[in-house]
Protein backbone atom coordinates (compact mmCIF):
# COMPACT_ATOMS: atom_id res chain seq x y z
CA MET A 1 0.00 0.00 0.00
CA LYS A 2 2.87 2.37 0.79
CA LEU A 3 4.50 1.61 -2.56
CA THR A 4 1.25 2.44 -4.36
CA PHE A 5 1.02 5.70 -2.40
CA TYR A 6 4.55 6.78 -3.41
CA VAL A 7 3.93 5.81 -7.07
CA LEU A 8 0.79 7.95 -7.12
CA LEU A 9 2.64 10.81 -5.41
CA THR A 10 5.34 10.61 -8.12
CA LEU A 11 2.67 10.78 -10.83
CA LEU A 12 1.17 13.79 -9.07
CA LEU A 13 4.52 15.59 -9.05
CA LEU A 14 4.91 14.89 -12.78
CA ASN A 15 1.39 16.03 -13.68
CA PRO A 16 2.50 18.93 -15.98
CA PHE A 17 3.70 16.33 -18.50
CA VAL A 18 0.06 15.28 -18.97
CA ASN A 19 -0.17 18.29 -21.30
CA LEU A 20 2.11 16.46 -23.74
CA ILE A 21 -0.42 13.65 -24.16
CA GLU A 22 -2.11 13.77 -27.56
CA PHE A 23 -5.46 14.71 -26.12
CA ASP A 24 -7.82 17.32 -27.54
CA ASN A 25 -7.98 19.85 -24.69
CA ARG A 26 -10.79 21.67 -26.45
CA PHE A 27 -13.16 19.06 -25.05
CA ILE A 28 -11.98 18.66 -21.45
CA ASP A 29 -9.24 19.92 -19.14
CA PHE A 30 -7.63 16.49 -18.88
CA GLN A 31 -4.78 17.62 -16.61
CA GLN A 32 -7.12 18.79 -13.86
CA PHE A 33 -9.14 15.58 -13.94
CA PHE A 34 -5.90 13.58 -13.88
CA VAL A 35 -4.85 15.41 -10.69
CA TYR A 36 -8.31 15.07 -9.15
CA GLY A 37 -8.25 11.31 -9.71
CA ILE A 38 -4.80 10.85 -8.14
CA VAL A 39 -5.67 12.98 -5.08
CA LEU A 40 -8.86 10.98 -4.53
CA LEU A 41 -6.85 7.75 -4.74
CA LEU A 42 -4.25 9.07 -2.29
CA ALA A 43 -6.99 10.03 0.17
CA THR A 44 -8.64 6.62 -0.24
CA ILE A 45 -5.36 4.77 0.41
CA LYS A 46 -4.78 6.89 3.51
CA ILE A 47 -8.21 5.98 4.93
CA LEU A 48 -7.72 2.28 4.15
CA ALA A 49 -4.28 2.36 5.81
CA HIS A 50 -5.77 3.87 8.97
CA LEU A 51 -8.58 1.30 9.01
CA SER A 52 -6.18 -1.64 8.60
CA SER A 53 -3.73 -0.29 11.20
CA LYS A 54 -3.83 -1.73 14.71
CA GLU A 55 -2.65 1.56 16.22
CA HIS A 56 -5.02 3.96 17.92
CA LEU A 57 -6.32 6.68 15.64
CA ASN A 58 -4.87 9.82 17.21
CA ILE A 59 -5.05 13.07 15.27
CA ARG A 60 -2.29 15.59 15.97
CA PHE A 61 -2.28 19.25 14.97
CA ASN A 62 0.76 21.50 15.16
CA THR A 63 0.73 25.25 14.61
CA ILE A 64 0.90 24.98 10.82
CA ASP A 65 -2.00 22.48 10.79
CA CYS A 66 -4.12 24.75 12.97
CA LEU A 67 -3.41 27.71 10.74
CA VAL A 68 -4.29 25.73 7.59
CA LEU A 69 -7.50 24.48 9.24
CA LEU A 70 -8.58 27.95 10.38
CA PHE A 71 -7.89 29.45 6.96
CA ALA A 72 -9.80 26.60 5.27
CA LEU A 73 -12.80 27.17 7.55
CA TRP A 74 -12.79 30.92 6.94
CA PHE A 75 -12.39 30.41 3.17
CA CYS A 76 -15.36 28.03 3.05
CA ILE A 77 -17.53 30.27 5.24
CA ARG A 78 -16.73 33.34 3.15
CA PHE A 79 -17.30 31.44 -0.09
CA TYR A 80 -20.65 30.13 1.20
CA PHE A 81 -21.96 33.70 1.53
CA THR A 82 -21.10 34.69 -2.05
CA ASP A 83 -23.62 34.62 -4.88
CA ILE A 84 -21.50 32.06 -6.76
CA PHE A 85 -21.41 29.38 -4.04
CA SER A 86 -22.00 25.82 -5.21
CA PHE A 87 -20.63 22.42 -4.26
CA SER A 88 -19.98 21.80 -7.96
CA SER A 89 -18.07 25.08 -8.32
CA GLU A 90 -14.52 24.78 -9.61
CA ILE A 91 -13.33 26.88 -6.66
CA PHE A 92 -14.88 24.52 -4.10
CA ILE A 93 -13.65 21.37 -5.86
CA LYS A 94 -10.06 22.64 -6.16
CA PHE A 95 -10.01 23.79 -2.55
CA SER A 96 -11.38 20.42 -1.40
CA MET A 97 -8.65 18.65 -3.37
CA TYR A 98 -5.95 20.78 -1.77
CA ILE A 99 -7.25 19.94 1.73
CA LEU A 100 -7.51 16.21 0.91
CA LEU A 101 -3.97 16.21 -0.48
CA TYR A 102 -2.63 18.01 2.60
CA ALA A 103 -4.31 15.49 4.90
CA ALA A 104 -3.11 12.51 2.83
CA ILE A 105 0.55 13.57 2.94
CA LYS A 106 0.26 14.29 6.67
CA SER A 107 -0.71 10.66 7.32
CA ARG A 108 1.63 8.33 9.21
CA MET A 109 2.16 6.11 6.19
CA VAL A 110 4.27 8.89 4.59
CA ASN A 111 7.86 8.77 5.81
CA THR A 112 9.28 12.31 5.78
CA GLY A 113 12.81 11.22 4.83
CA LYS A 114 11.62 9.10 1.89
CA ALA A 115 9.25 11.84 0.77
CA PHE A 116 12.13 14.34 0.73
CA GLU A 117 14.28 11.93 -1.30
CA LEU A 118 11.43 11.43 -3.76
CA LEU A 119 10.96 15.19 -4.03
CA TYR A 120 14.64 15.85 -4.73
CA THR A 121 14.85 13.02 -7.26
CA VAL A 122 11.73 14.06 -9.15
CA PHE A 123 12.47 17.80 -9.09
CA SER A 124 16.06 17.31 -10.30
CA MET A 125 15.00 15.28 -13.34
CA PHE A 126 11.86 17.36 -13.81
CA SER A 127 13.84 20.63 -13.99
CA ILE A 128 16.11 19.23 -16.72
CA LEU A 129 13.22 17.98 -18.85
CA ILE A 130 10.99 21.07 -18.66
CA CYS A 131 13.89 23.51 -19.13
CA THR A 132 15.15 21.59 -22.15
CA TYR A 133 11.63 21.66 -23.56
CA GLY A 134 11.39 25.42 -22.97
CA ILE A 135 14.82 26.14 -24.49
CA LEU A 136 13.90 24.12 -27.60
CA GLN A 137 10.78 26.29 -27.88
CA PHE A 138 12.90 29.43 -27.58
CA PHE A 139 15.05 28.37 -30.54
CA ASN A 140 11.94 27.36 -32.57
CA VAL A 141 12.89 23.67 -32.61
CA ILE A 142 9.45 22.78 -31.25
CA PRO A 143 6.37 25.06 -31.31
CA SER A 144 5.31 27.17 -28.35
CA ASN A 145 1.89 26.68 -26.76
CA ASN A 146 1.06 30.35 -27.32
CA LEU A 147 1.44 32.27 -30.58
CA PHE A 148 2.39 35.46 -28.71
CA PHE A 149 5.32 33.97 -26.75
CA LYS A 150 8.37 32.07 -27.94
CA MET A 151 8.76 30.00 -24.78
CA THR A 152 5.95 28.70 -22.55
CA GLY A 153 7.25 25.28 -21.47
CA LEU A 154 4.38 22.94 -20.63
CA PHE A 155 2.04 25.89 -19.94
CA ASN A 156 0.23 28.48 -22.06
CA ASN A 157 2.32 31.48 -21.01
CA PRO A 158 5.90 32.07 -19.82
CA SER A 159 4.80 33.54 -16.49
CA SER A 160 3.34 30.25 -15.18
CA PHE A 161 6.33 28.34 -16.56
CA THR A 162 8.99 30.49 -14.88
CA ASN A 163 6.98 30.83 -11.65
CA LEU A 164 7.05 27.04 -11.34
CA LEU A 165 10.83 27.09 -11.87
CA CYS A 166 11.13 29.61 -9.01
CA LEU A 167 9.41 27.12 -6.72
CA ILE A 168 11.60 24.18 -7.82
CA PHE A 169 14.93 26.05 -7.88
CA PRO A 170 15.70 26.29 -4.09
CA VAL A 171 14.81 22.60 -3.59
CA VAL A 172 17.16 21.48 -6.38
CA LEU A 173 19.87 23.90 -5.16
CA THR A 174 19.87 22.52 -1.61
CA GLY A 175 19.70 19.01 -3.05
CA PHE A 176 23.08 19.60 -4.67
CA TRP A 177 24.67 19.94 -1.19
CA LEU A 178 23.11 16.86 0.32
CA PRO A 179 25.80 14.34 1.46
CA LEU A 180 26.57 11.56 -1.01
CA GLU A 181 25.67 8.80 1.41
CA ARG A 182 22.10 10.11 1.46
CA HIS A 183 21.91 11.27 -2.11
CA ASP A 184 22.87 9.27 -5.18
CA LYS A 185 25.76 10.78 -7.16
CA LYS A 186 23.71 10.75 -10.37
CA ILE A 187 20.96 12.77 -8.72
CA LYS A 188 23.56 15.25 -7.48
CA THR A 189 24.83 15.66 -11.04
CA ALA A 190 21.24 16.05 -12.26
CA SER A 191 20.73 18.78 -9.64
CA LEU A 192 23.73 20.72 -10.97
CA ILE A 193 22.52 20.42 -14.57
CA GLY A 194 19.01 21.42 -13.50
CA ILE A 195 20.31 24.53 -11.67
CA PHE A 196 22.26 25.61 -14.75
CA LEU A 197 19.32 25.06 -17.14
CA MET A 198 16.82 26.85 -14.87
CA ILE A 199 19.02 29.96 -14.69
CA ILE A 200 19.34 30.00 -18.51
CA THR A 201 15.61 29.43 -18.99
CA VAL A 202 14.57 32.26 -16.69
CA PHE A 203 17.08 34.56 -18.41
CA PHE A 204 15.62 33.70 -21.84
CA ALA A 205 12.03 34.09 -20.62
CA ASN A 206 12.69 37.69 -19.51
CA GLU A 207 9.99 37.54 -16.82
CA ARG A 208 10.43 40.18 -14.11
CA ALA A 209 8.59 38.42 -11.28
CA ALA A 210 10.48 35.19 -11.95
CA LEU A 211 13.83 37.01 -11.93
CA LEU A 212 13.01 38.46 -8.51
CA GLY A 213 11.88 35.06 -7.26
CA PHE A 214 15.07 33.41 -8.46
CA MET A 215 17.24 36.03 -6.81
CA ALA A 216 15.27 35.65 -3.57
CA GLY A 217 15.56 31.85 -3.61
CA LEU A 218 19.28 31.98 -4.41
CA LEU A 219 20.02 34.52 -1.67
CA LEU A 220 17.98 32.61 0.93
CA VAL A 221 19.81 29.34 0.26
CA LEU A 222 23.29 30.91 0.02
CA ASN A 223 22.65 32.91 3.16
CA LYS A 224 22.08 29.72 5.14
CA LYS A 225 25.20 28.11 3.73
CA TYR A 226 27.62 31.05 3.92
CA GLY A 227 25.97 33.37 6.48
CA LEU A 228 25.61 36.33 4.06
CA PHE A 229 23.13 38.27 6.19
CA TYR A 230 25.25 37.80 9.31
CA ALA A 231 28.35 39.05 7.49
CA LEU A 232 26.41 42.06 6.17
CA LYS A 233 25.04 42.82 9.63
CA LYS A 234 28.52 42.57 11.12
CA ALA A 235 29.92 44.91 8.48
CA TYR A 236 26.99 47.31 9.01
CA ASN A 237 27.73 47.56 12.72
CA SER A 238 31.19 48.82 11.84
CA SER A 239 31.08 52.63 12.04
CA LYS A 240 33.35 53.02 8.99
CA LEU A 241 31.34 50.82 6.60
CA LYS A 242 27.81 51.82 7.64
CA PRO A 243 27.42 54.74 5.15
CA VAL A 244 28.96 52.65 2.35
CA ILE A 245 26.54 49.75 2.94
CA ILE A 246 23.50 52.04 3.10
CA CYS A 247 24.45 53.82 -0.14
CA SER A 248 25.25 50.51 -1.87
CA CYS A 249 21.93 48.97 -0.89
CA LEU A 250 19.98 52.04 -2.02
CA ALA A 251 21.88 52.26 -5.31
CA SER A 252 21.47 48.55 -6.10
CA THR A 253 17.75 48.66 -5.21
CA LEU A 254 17.09 51.70 -7.41
CA ALA A 255 19.16 50.23 -10.23
CA GLY A 256 17.27 46.92 -9.96
CA VAL A 257 13.87 48.63 -10.02
CA TYR A 258 14.88 50.71 -13.05
CA LEU A 259 16.17 47.65 -14.92
CA ILE A 260 12.93 45.79 -14.20
CA TYR A 261 11.00 48.83 -15.43
CA LEU A 262 13.00 48.86 -18.66
CA ILE A 263 12.05 45.27 -19.49
CA ARG A 264 8.42 46.30 -20.22
CA PRO A 265 7.69 49.90 -19.15
CA ARG A 266 4.01 49.93 -20.12
CA SER A 267 3.34 46.65 -18.31
CA PHE A 268 5.16 47.97 -15.22
CA GLU A 269 2.91 51.04 -15.14
CA GLY A 270 -0.14 48.91 -15.81
CA ARG A 271 0.55 46.79 -12.74
CA PHE A 272 0.56 49.84 -10.47
CA PHE A 273 -2.69 51.03 -12.05
CA ILE A 274 -4.24 47.64 -11.22
CA TYR A 275 -2.87 47.82 -7.66
CA SER A 276 -4.42 51.25 -7.10
CA ASN A 277 -7.87 50.02 -8.18
CA THR A 278 -7.49 46.84 -6.10
CA VAL A 279 -6.65 48.92 -3.02
CA GLN A 280 -9.87 50.86 -3.62
CA ILE A 281 -11.82 47.57 -3.56
CA ILE A 282 -10.08 46.63 -0.30
CA ARG A 283 -11.05 49.96 1.25
CA ASN A 284 -14.71 49.30 0.46
CA HIS A 285 -14.63 45.65 1.62
CA PHE A 286 -11.93 45.74 4.27
CA MET A 287 -13.37 43.36 6.87
CA TRP A 288 -15.07 40.57 4.89
CA GLY A 289 -13.72 40.97 1.36
CA ILE A 290 -15.74 40.51 -1.82
CA GLY A 291 -15.62 36.70 -1.60
CA PRO A 292 -13.36 34.01 -3.12
CA GLY A 293 -13.50 33.94 -6.91
CA LYS A 294 -15.20 37.34 -7.20
CA PHE A 295 -12.24 39.48 -8.24
CA GLU A 296 -12.76 38.94 -11.96
CA SER A 297 -16.40 40.02 -11.74
CA VAL A 298 -15.72 43.09 -9.55
CA TYR A 299 -12.43 44.64 -10.64
CA ASN A 300 -13.55 45.89 -14.07
CA LEU A 301 -16.48 47.70 -12.45
CA TYR A 302 -13.99 49.75 -10.41
CA GLN A 303 -11.84 50.36 -13.48
CA SER A 304 -14.95 51.51 -15.34
CA GLN A 305 -15.85 53.84 -12.48
CA TYR A 306 -12.32 55.26 -12.51
CA PHE A 307 -12.56 56.26 -16.18
CA LYS A 308 -16.03 57.71 -15.70
CA VAL A 309 -14.66 60.06 -13.03
CA HIS A 310 -11.19 60.80 -14.45
CA ASN A 311 -10.01 62.01 -17.81
CA ILE A 312 -10.60 59.26 -20.35
CA GLN A 313 -7.70 60.51 -22.46
CA GLY A 314 -5.21 60.26 -19.61
CA HIS A 315 -2.18 58.00 -19.70
CA GLU A 316 -4.04 55.20 -17.89
CA TRP A 317 -6.35 54.40 -20.80
CA GLN A 318 -3.40 53.09 -22.82
CA ILE A 319 -2.29 50.67 -20.09
CA ALA A 320 -5.75 49.61 -18.85
CA ASP A 321 -6.87 46.20 -20.03
CA ASN A 322 -9.42 43.50 -19.32
CA VAL A 323 -8.22 42.24 -15.93
CA GLY A 324 -8.96 38.88 -14.31
CA VAL A 325 -6.21 38.82 -11.66
CA ALA A 326 -4.61 41.48 -9.46
CA PHE A 327 -1.02 40.48 -10.39
CA ASN A 328 -0.38 40.39 -6.66
CA ASP A 329 -1.71 37.31 -4.88
CA LEU A 330 -1.52 38.83 -1.41
CA LEU A 331 -3.51 41.89 -2.49
CA GLN A 332 -6.07 39.69 -4.23
CA LEU A 333 -6.34 37.46 -1.15
CA PHE A 334 -6.99 40.56 0.97
CA CYS A 335 -9.51 41.73 -1.62
CA GLU A 336 -11.43 38.42 -1.69
CA THR A 337 -11.19 37.15 1.91
CA GLY A 338 -10.87 40.43 3.78
CA VAL A 339 -8.51 41.27 6.59
CA ILE A 340 -9.15 37.92 8.33
CA GLY A 341 -7.87 35.82 5.41
CA PHE A 342 -4.98 38.22 4.88
CA VAL A 343 -3.94 37.95 8.55
CA PHE A 344 -3.90 34.14 8.32
CA MET A 345 -1.58 34.37 5.30
CA VAL A 346 0.74 36.88 7.00
CA ILE A 347 0.95 34.69 10.12
CA GLY A 348 1.80 31.69 7.91
CA ILE A 349 4.56 33.63 6.17
CA GLY A 350 5.82 34.79 9.58
CA ILE A 351 5.99 31.19 10.85
CA MET A 352 8.00 30.14 7.80
CA ALA A 353 10.33 33.14 8.13
CA ARG A 354 10.85 32.43 11.84
CA ASN A 355 11.72 28.80 11.18
CA TYR A 356 14.06 29.86 8.39
CA LYS A 357 15.82 32.23 10.79
CA ASN A 358 16.20 29.54 13.49
CA MET A 359 17.56 26.85 11.16
CA THR A 360 21.24 26.09 10.74
CA TRP A 361 23.03 24.55 7.76
CA GLU A 362 23.14 20.91 8.82
CA ASN A 363 22.68 17.75 6.75
CA SER A 364 19.52 16.85 8.64
CA SER A 365 17.92 20.26 8.08
CA LEU A 366 18.84 20.76 4.40
CA PRO A 367 15.53 19.37 3.03
CA ALA A 368 13.47 21.67 5.27
CA ILE A 369 15.66 24.66 4.34
CA GLY A 370 15.07 23.96 0.65
CA LEU A 371 11.31 23.73 1.12
CA ILE A 372 11.08 26.91 3.23
CA CYS A 373 13.20 28.83 0.69
CA SER A 374 10.91 27.57 -2.09
CA PHE A 375 7.84 28.77 -0.20
CA LEU A 376 9.35 32.19 0.53
CA SER A 377 10.57 32.66 -3.07
CA VAL A 378 7.04 31.92 -4.34
CA ILE A 379 5.71 34.53 -1.90
CA VAL A 380 8.17 37.05 -3.41
CA VAL A 381 6.94 36.15 -6.91
CA SER A 382 3.32 36.45 -5.77
CA LEU A 383 3.90 40.13 -4.93
CA PHE A 384 4.22 40.86 -8.65
CA SER A 385 2.44 37.95 -10.35
CA TYR A 386 -0.19 35.27 -9.68
CA PRO A 387 1.58 31.92 -8.99
CA LEU A 388 -0.81 30.89 -6.22
CA GLN A 389 -3.72 31.00 -8.66
CA ASN A 390 -2.07 28.52 -10.98
CA PHE A 391 -3.47 25.04 -10.39
CA VAL A 392 -0.12 23.19 -10.77
CA ILE A 393 1.95 25.63 -8.69
CA MET A 394 -0.64 25.67 -5.90
CA LEU A 395 -0.58 21.88 -5.91
CA TYR A 396 3.18 21.92 -5.33
CA VAL A 397 2.83 24.56 -2.60
CA VAL A 398 0.34 22.33 -0.75
CA ILE A 399 2.78 19.40 -0.98
CA LEU A 400 5.68 21.54 0.29
CA VAL A 401 3.71 22.96 3.22
CA SER A 402 2.38 19.53 4.23
CA LEU A 403 5.92 18.08 4.19
CA LEU A 404 7.19 21.02 6.25
CA SER A 405 4.41 20.43 8.74
CA LYS A 406 5.44 16.75 9.01
CA ASN A 407 9.09 17.64 9.55
CA THR A 408 9.96 17.27 13.22
CA LYS A 409 12.35 20.23 13.28
CA ILE A 410 9.60 22.49 11.97
CA SER A 411 7.14 21.31 14.61
CA LEU A 412 9.43 21.33 17.68
CA PRO A 413 8.99 25.01 18.63
CA PHE A 414 5.22 24.55 18.79
CA ARG A 415 3.16 22.36 21.05
CA SER A 416 0.99 19.84 19.21
CA ILE A 417 -2.68 19.26 19.96
CA THR A 418 -3.62 15.56 20.06
CA PHE A 419 -7.04 13.95 20.38
CA LYS A 420 -8.46 10.49 19.81
CA ALA A 421 -10.90 10.01 16.96
CA ASN A 422 -13.46 7.29 16.24
CA ARG A 423 -12.06 5.18 13.40
CA LEU A 424 -15.45 4.30 11.87
CA VAL A 425 -16.73 7.89 11.99
CA CYS A 426 -13.57 9.15 10.27
CA ALA A 427 -13.82 6.40 7.64
CA PHE A 428 -17.50 7.16 7.00
CA ALA A 429 -16.85 10.90 6.67
CA GLY A 430 -13.77 10.34 4.49
CA PHE A 431 -15.33 7.86 2.10
CA GLY A 432 -18.51 9.92 1.98
CA SER A 433 -16.66 13.07 0.91
CA ILE A 434 -14.52 11.14 -1.59
CA GLY A 435 -17.60 9.46 -3.09
CA LEU A 436 -19.46 12.76 -3.34
CA LEU A 437 -16.54 14.52 -5.02
CA THR A 438 -16.02 11.61 -7.42
CA GLY A 439 -19.68 11.67 -8.43
CA VAL A 440 -19.65 15.43 -8.97
CA LEU A 441 -16.45 15.23 -11.05
CA ILE A 442 -17.79 12.46 -13.28
CA TYR A 443 -21.04 14.37 -13.78
CA LEU A 444 -19.27 17.64 -14.55
CA GLY A 445 -16.66 15.93 -16.75
CA GLU A 446 -19.28 14.30 -18.97
CA ASN A 447 -21.19 17.56 -19.40
CA GLN A 448 -17.99 19.54 -20.00
CA VAL A 449 -17.16 17.21 -22.88
CA LYS A 450 -20.66 17.65 -24.32
CA TRP A 451 -20.49 21.44 -24.03
CA LYS A 452 -17.05 21.85 -25.61
CA ASN A 453 -17.93 19.35 -28.31
CA MET A 454 -21.03 21.42 -29.08
CA VAL A 455 -19.10 24.72 -29.15
CA PHE A 456 -16.55 23.45 -31.66
CA LYS A 457 -19.17 22.04 -34.04
CA SER A 458 -21.41 24.23 -36.18
CA GLN A 459 -24.97 23.86 -34.92
CA GLU A 460 -28.32 25.06 -36.11
CA PRO A 461 -29.64 27.75 -33.71
CA ALA A 462 -32.60 25.63 -32.58
CA ILE A 463 -30.37 22.60 -31.92
CA ALA A 464 -27.77 24.70 -30.08
CA LEU A 465 -30.50 26.29 -27.96
CA GLN A 466 -31.81 22.90 -26.85
CA GLN A 467 -28.33 21.59 -26.09
CA TYR A 468 -27.50 24.65 -24.00
CA ARG A 469 -30.74 24.16 -22.09
CA ASP A 470 -29.91 20.51 -21.45
CA LEU A 471 -26.42 21.33 -20.13
CA TYR A 472 -27.49 24.32 -18.05
CA PRO A 473 -28.36 22.38 -14.83
CA ALA A 474 -24.85 20.90 -14.68
CA LEU A 475 -22.85 23.93 -15.83
CA GLN A 476 -24.81 26.84 -14.37
CA ASP A 477 -21.82 27.62 -12.11
CA ASN A 478 -19.42 27.94 -15.04
CA GLY A 479 -19.04 31.59 -16.07
CA TYR A 480 -17.61 30.75 -19.50
CA PHE A 481 -20.47 28.37 -20.25
CA LEU A 482 -22.99 31.07 -19.27
CA TYR A 483 -21.17 33.61 -21.44
CA ASN A 484 -21.17 31.24 -24.44
CA TYR A 485 -24.81 30.43 -23.84
CA GLY A 486 -25.83 34.08 -23.57
CA SER A 487 -23.75 35.32 -26.49
CA GLU A 488 -25.06 32.51 -28.70
CA MET A 489 -28.62 33.43 -27.79
CA ALA A 490 -27.95 37.13 -28.44
CA ALA A 491 -26.44 36.36 -31.86
CA ASP A 492 -29.44 34.15 -32.75
CA LYS A 493 -31.89 36.81 -31.50
CA TYR A 494 -33.20 34.88 -28.50
CA TYR A 495 -32.86 38.12 -26.58
CA LEU A 496 -34.83 37.33 -23.43
CA GLU A 497 -32.99 34.10 -22.69
CA GLY A 498 -29.67 35.63 -23.69
CA ARG A 499 -30.15 38.55 -21.30
CA HIS A 500 -30.92 36.15 -18.45
CA MET A 501 -27.80 34.01 -19.08
CA LEU A 502 -25.50 37.02 -19.46
CA ALA A 503 -26.84 38.46 -16.19
CA GLN A 504 -25.78 35.23 -14.48
CA ALA A 505 -22.40 35.28 -16.26
CA LYS A 506 -21.71 38.71 -14.72
CA LYS A 507 -21.48 37.06 -11.30
CA TYR A 508 -18.37 35.20 -12.48
CA MET A 509 -16.75 37.50 -15.05
CA MET A 510 -17.28 41.18 -15.81
CA ASP A 511 -15.81 41.18 -19.29
CA PRO A 512 -16.57 44.03 -21.76
CA ASP A 513 -17.79 41.40 -24.24
CA VAL A 514 -20.39 40.21 -21.72
CA LEU A 515 -21.74 43.76 -21.48
CA ILE A 516 -21.72 44.24 -25.26
CA TYR A 517 -23.81 41.12 -25.84
CA SER A 518 -26.03 42.14 -22.92
CA GLY A 519 -26.51 45.51 -24.61
CA ASP A 520 -27.48 43.71 -27.81
CA CYS A 521 -30.15 41.82 -25.88
CA PHE A 522 -31.58 44.98 -24.32
CA LEU A 523 -31.56 46.69 -27.71
CA GLY A 524 -33.39 43.73 -29.24
CA LEU A 525 -35.97 43.99 -26.43
CA ASN A 526 -36.38 47.75 -27.17
CA ASP A 527 -34.90 48.80 -23.81
CA ASN A 528 -32.67 51.46 -25.39
CA LYS A 529 -31.75 53.20 -22.15
CA GLN A 530 -30.38 50.02 -20.55
CA ALA A 531 -28.66 49.03 -23.81
CA GLU A 532 -26.80 52.37 -23.90
CA LYS A 533 -25.80 51.91 -20.26
CA GLU A 534 -24.35 48.45 -21.00
CA TYR A 535 -22.39 49.68 -24.04
CA LEU A 536 -20.98 52.67 -22.16
CA SER A 537 -19.97 50.51 -19.20
CA ALA A 538 -18.15 48.17 -21.60
CA TYR A 539 -16.35 51.17 -23.12
CA TYR A 540 -15.27 52.62 -19.76
CA MET A 541 -13.92 49.25 -18.61
CA VAL A 542 -11.29 49.11 -21.35
CA PRO A 543 -11.36 52.43 -23.28
CA LYS A 544 -8.75 51.34 -25.83
CA LYS A 545 -10.88 48.38 -26.96
CA LEU A 546 -12.44 49.23 -30.32
CA LEU A 547 -15.24 46.65 -30.15
CA SER A 548 -17.11 48.57 -27.44
CA GLN A 549 -16.70 51.82 -29.41
CA TYR A 550 -17.99 50.04 -32.52
CA ALA A 551 -21.01 48.77 -30.54
CA LEU A 552 -21.80 52.34 -29.47
CA MET A 553 -21.50 53.54 -33.07
CA GLN A 554 -23.97 50.87 -34.20
CA TYR A 555 -26.30 51.59 -31.27
CA TYR A 556 -26.59 55.32 -32.01
CA HIS A 557 -27.08 54.55 -35.68
CA ALA A 558 -29.90 52.13 -34.77
CA VAL A 559 -31.68 54.75 -32.60
CA LYS A 560 -31.28 57.41 -35.37
CA ASN A 561 -28.79 59.57 -33.47
CA ASP A 562 -26.44 60.14 -36.42
CA ASP A 563 -24.35 62.86 -34.78
CA LYS A 564 -23.24 60.58 -31.97
CA ALA A 565 -22.81 57.64 -34.36
CA ASN A 566 -20.51 59.74 -36.55
CA GLY A 567 -18.63 60.94 -33.48
CA TRP A 568 -17.88 57.36 -32.39
CA ALA A 569 -16.90 56.45 -35.96
CA GLU A 570 -14.37 59.31 -36.00
CA LYS A 571 -13.09 58.24 -32.59
CA ILE A 572 -12.51 54.68 -33.87
CA ILE A 573 -10.66 55.92 -36.94
CA LYS A 574 -8.38 58.18 -34.87
CA SER A 575 -7.72 55.54 -32.17
CA GLU A 576 -4.19 54.21 -31.96
CA LEU A 577 -3.81 50.44 -32.20
CA ILE A 578 -1.88 49.54 -29.02
CA VAL A 579 -1.51 45.94 -30.20
CA TYR A 580 -1.91 45.08 -33.86
CA SER A 581 -4.99 42.94 -34.49
CA GLU A 582 -6.73 42.06 -37.74
CA ASP A 583 -10.11 42.25 -36.00
CA GLU A 584 -9.49 45.78 -34.74
CA LEU A 585 -8.11 46.82 -38.15
CA GLU A 586 -11.33 45.57 -39.74
CA ILE A 587 -13.35 47.59 -37.20
CA LYS A 588 -11.44 50.74 -38.21
CA ASN A 589 -12.14 50.00 -41.88
CA GLN A 590 -15.85 49.48 -41.22
CA ALA A 591 -16.01 52.73 -39.22
CA ALA A 592 -14.37 54.57 -42.14
CA ARG A 593 -16.90 53.10 -44.60
CA PHE A 594 -19.76 54.00 -42.24
CA LEU A 595 -18.56 57.60 -41.96
CA THR A 596 -18.19 57.85 -45.75
CA ARG A 597 -21.77 56.63 -46.32
CA SER A 598 -23.09 58.93 -43.59
CA CYS A 599 -21.39 61.99 -45.10
CA ASN A 600 -22.68 61.20 -48.58
């Protein structure tokens, strides 16, 4: 049973390679269902192992466990009181899987030493394979997964790829220094090759957050080995070197910030614009937050409000875009779960930092040092990106934290809470939750296949309408399904049903396209005032987007207001294309033809 558990854990660690399987991802997200299946099997094996064990079933919680449990309870409570709560929601299913995985790895059947060895072995080989794959993409030997980026690795964008490398890097780096009697020489060589390839890959990717994460991970590991911070502190206490150190630190910090700014200036400014709007959301929902999963449906409303109040021709309109994440996981956590969720996260980071500070560079503590440095480097990355919202990276974070919680040296400073539990009650609750989740996943998986299969096949409007209606009970919590449903109905002139579906889609995603199709529905139902409101809201969300301007031009033409229609046509023609797009070029051409006909 233990062998099966470790085999499944190895497959779980290698889950990104599932993307290489020749499987049509248009029809189902196979990787997620692969992970769900393995986690359910791991949880099942853990329950069976406890039932077959002759030992008393004692459940122990240390400080990390208590913190994870409290955060999980608060997350579920806060999610329950949102308007998107559902047991079949992707948010609830993912969160349940993370908790099951954490509990499975915390079981007694997992030996911490063997788990660390497995982690170092897998990560060393894994880093070589994925970096080689990414470098081959960079040199156009194999195609990238995204037309807009040369190198994406096993993901769809370079940010997720390099963020994962930031998490792996400190583990592989500390693995290189493990003593030979505990670490095979081949694995040590693989660690060295992996370190070299990861540094090259991150340099080629040119991702700012990943560069910062790599530097943080490298400094944290080297500090423990060579005492860098202690040497700097000692030099600082010297009266002669204090001014030199202060000036050097300030100069290097300013130079680093400027170099990061030069990589992509407009993106750098755009991030701060997003942060300012996110802070405004936090001010309005400081205590309870807006609810898990609600950022995408709320943020654009604040951005729209900003442009309604401020000058639409200001510098911000060029950098504003359709935003689904805050590009700062800690800010977004504060935004969604309020000050309570944010405090839990800060306490967790503080516990990790405290344990890092108290650890010394010894052979027995090297694995824990590597895992803590990985966690802290991901936190650094999360200040400027969104690694904790990536399914694969979050999966690895859960594994790292659960292994740290199992490590005796991590748990020693804190008193554990132990209580006896009824074996049959635990088994009943465990198998019940696993069975329920399995049933939900099978049900959702089958309907997801049907939906995506329907979307990618041309359907007659009447047939498509019936199929959407059939799938609605299973997928009514899926914002993208609701958007597709509503937009299809709007295009086929089923305005009443389309308006209803798009109104539900707004609870999950406040995209300008949702509002444009919603405006079409209101216009088709002769509610011109509400249609104009929807079109204008879509425009203010992302002012540089020509589609919303084009919708306003068509709206004013439909209601016989030619002066305003011509004004929007002129605005489209004069608009600068921030990013070249054939669709937006066609909109400019159509606006020019419209203005020519109107003038004649």
